[in-house]
Protein backbone atom coordinates (compact mmCIF):
# COMPACT_ATOMS: atom_id res chain seq x y z
CA UNK A 1 -2.16 -20.61 13.16
CA UNK A 2 -3.12 -23.85 11.03
CA UNK A 3 -1.18 -23.02 7.88
CA UNK A 4 1.91 -22.45 9.82
CA UNK A 5 1.61 -26.19 11.30
CA UNK A 6 1.71 -27.82 8.16
CA UNK A 7 3.27 -25.07 5.84
CA UNK A 8 5.96 -22.79 7.47
CA UNK A 9 7.07 -24.78 10.33
CA UNK A 10 8.12 -27.73 8.73
CA UNK A 11 10.23 -25.63 5.68
CA UNK A 12 11.66 -23.77 8.47
CA UNK A 13 12.97 -26.93 10.20
CA UNK A 14 14.06 -28.63 7.16
CA UNK A 15 14.18 -26.97 3.90
CA UNK A 16 14.02 -30.15 2.03
CA UNK A 17 11.09 -31.27 3.69
CA UNK A 18 8.53 -32.21 0.87
CA UNK A 19 11.11 -32.39 -1.86
CA UNK A 20 12.84 -35.68 -1.22
CA UNK A 21 14.60 -38.50 -3.22
CA UNK A 22 12.68 -41.49 -3.48
CA UNK A 23 15.09 -42.97 -1.56
CA UNK A 24 15.06 -40.96 1.40
CA UNK A 25 11.59 -40.55 1.56
CA UNK A 26 10.97 -44.19 3.76
CA UNK A 27 13.65 -42.65 5.95
CA UNK A 28 12.66 -43.14 9.95
CA UNK A 29 13.47 -39.19 10.51
CA UNK A 30 11.05 -38.06 7.40
CA UNK A 31 8.20 -40.60 8.98
CA UNK A 32 8.68 -39.19 12.44
CA UNK A 33 8.23 -35.66 10.86
CA UNK A 34 5.08 -36.50 9.44
CA UNK A 35 3.95 -37.98 12.47
CA UNK A 36 5.09 -34.98 14.55
CA UNK A 37 2.87 -32.77 11.93
CA UNK A 38 -0.07 -35.00 12.40
CA UNK A 39 -0.11 -34.62 15.83
CA UNK A 40 0.62 -30.99 16.23
CA UNK A 41 -2.25 -30.66 14.01
CA UNK A 42 -4.88 -32.72 16.01
CA UNK A 43 -3.86 -31.13 19.26
CA UNK A 44 -2.57 -27.56 19.20
CA UNK A 45 -5.92 -26.10 17.88
CA UNK A 46 -8.12 -27.86 20.69
CA UNK A 47 -5.31 -27.01 23.12
CA UNK A 48 -5.73 -23.41 22.10
CA UNK A 49 -9.32 -23.49 22.06
CA UNK A 50 -9.61 -24.76 25.73
CA UNK A 51 -7.10 -22.78 27.16
CA UNK A 52 -8.78 -19.76 25.19
CA UNK A 53 -5.82 -17.08 26.24
CA UNK A 54 -7.38 -14.03 24.80
CA UNK A 55 -10.68 -14.72 26.69
CA UNK A 56 -8.47 -14.79 29.89
CA UNK A 57 -6.89 -11.70 28.88
CA UNK A 58 -10.41 -9.78 28.19
CA UNK A 59 -11.60 -11.45 31.78
CA UNK A 60 -8.74 -10.49 33.97
CA UNK A 61 -7.20 -7.47 32.44
CA UNK A 62 -9.57 -5.24 30.06
CA UNK A 63 -12.72 -6.08 32.03
CA UNK A 64 -11.36 -4.28 35.12
CA UNK A 65 -10.44 -1.29 32.75
CA UNK A 66 -14.29 -1.26 31.23
CA UNK A 67 -15.86 2.30 31.71
CA UNK A 68 -19.36 1.07 32.32
CA UNK A 69 -21.07 -2.89 33.00
CA UNK A 70 -22.25 -2.89 29.47
CA UNK A 71 -18.52 -2.56 28.25
CA UNK A 72 -17.45 -5.03 31.18
CA UNK A 73 -20.19 -7.62 30.06
CA UNK A 74 -18.77 -7.35 26.51
CA UNK A 75 -15.63 -8.88 27.55
CA UNK A 76 -17.40 -12.06 29.07
CA UNK A 77 -19.31 -12.85 25.81
CA UNK A 78 -16.78 -15.26 24.70
CA UNK A 79 -14.64 -15.52 21.71
CA UNK A 80 -16.63 -15.35 18.07
CA UNK A 81 -16.33 -17.97 15.67
CA UNK A 82 -17.40 -18.86 12.07
CA UNK A 83 -18.59 -22.07 11.03
CA UNK A 84 -16.96 -22.00 7.36
CA UNK A 85 -13.37 -21.38 9.49
CA UNK A 86 -14.02 -24.79 11.65
CA UNK A 87 -14.65 -26.53 8.63
CA UNK A 88 -11.90 -25.20 6.66
CA UNK A 89 -9.59 -26.28 9.77
CA UNK A 90 -10.87 -30.22 9.52
CA UNK A 91 -10.71 -30.05 5.95
CA UNK A 92 -7.15 -29.11 6.16
CA UNK A 93 -6.56 -31.61 8.58
CA UNK A 94 -8.18 -34.31 6.22
CA UNK A 95 -6.25 -33.17 3.27
CA UNK A 96 -3.03 -33.59 5.20
CA UNK A 97 -3.77 -36.80 6.36
CA UNK A 98 -4.41 -38.16 2.69
CA UNK A 99 -1.61 -36.33 1.01
CA UNK A 100 0.83 -38.05 3.75
CA UNK A 101 -1.63 -41.55 3.78
CA UNK A 102 0.50 -43.74 1.64
CA UNK A 103 3.58 -42.89 3.89
CA UNK A 104 2.10 -43.05 7.18
CA UNK A 105 -1.41 -45.12 7.45
CA UNK A 106 -1.60 -44.68 11.01
CA UNK A 107 -2.16 -40.96 10.09
CA UNK A 108 -5.94 -41.80 9.62
CA UNK A 109 -6.11 -42.77 13.23
CA UNK A 110 -4.22 -39.91 14.43
CA UNK A 111 -6.40 -37.46 12.44
CA UNK A 112 -9.65 -39.21 13.96
CA UNK A 113 -8.57 -38.87 17.45
CA UNK A 114 -8.09 -35.14 16.78
CA UNK A 115 -11.66 -34.85 15.29
CA UNK A 116 -12.85 -36.53 18.40
CA UNK A 117 -10.84 -34.31 20.75
CA UNK A 118 -11.76 -31.05 18.52
CA UNK A 119 -15.52 -32.02 18.70
CA UNK A 120 -15.62 -32.42 22.40
CA UNK A 121 -13.45 -29.21 23.09
CA UNK A 122 -15.54 -27.08 20.75
CA UNK A 123 -18.70 -28.45 22.18
CA UNK A 124 -17.81 -27.78 25.73
CA UNK A 125 -16.80 -24.10 24.86
CA UNK A 126 -19.58 -23.48 22.41
CA UNK A 127 -22.04 -24.96 25.19
CA UNK A 128 -20.52 -22.67 28.07
CA UNK A 129 -20.61 -19.70 25.66
CA UNK A 130 -24.42 -20.56 24.75
CA UNK A 131 -25.37 -20.51 28.42
CA UNK A 132 -23.84 -17.19 29.32
CA UNK A 133 -25.49 -15.86 26.24
CA UNK A 134 -28.95 -17.10 27.14
CA UNK A 135 -28.76 -16.22 30.90
CA UNK A 136 -27.33 -12.58 29.80
CA UNK A 137 -30.41 -12.11 27.73
CA UNK A 138 -32.76 -13.53 29.73
CA UNK A 139 -31.76 -11.48 32.85
CA UNK A 140 -32.28 -8.13 30.06
CA UNK A 141 -35.44 -9.24 29.08
CA UNK A 142 -36.74 -10.34 32.16
CA UNK A 143 -36.24 -6.85 33.72
């Protein structure tokens, strides 16, 4: 999804997005497009993590169809994630900001706000999943 925010969607919206003449690069529309890319990059990933549509589908649809309790519990364990993917997404956001920094210096503030939102959303969701995991394994070890 992150490559679509910075690569595919802008090129579909305007086929001459990156390739502009020197006179057209300072147009207000171009700067608004760059700003919208940075805001979308800063807010869509944390919003998708916070809403967690696949987790809701697992909880409310697939868990009801589980054959036994062990399968049902597996649907409530949370979404798997990898640290390398998270770092790659943060680096991508920062490099997009660096790329457009001469055109939109406010992009640093947008990206910093996005990093802060991303941090708090990820900490909230990871803490909840970690607490559920700990309670689940504590109950199984004590029985």
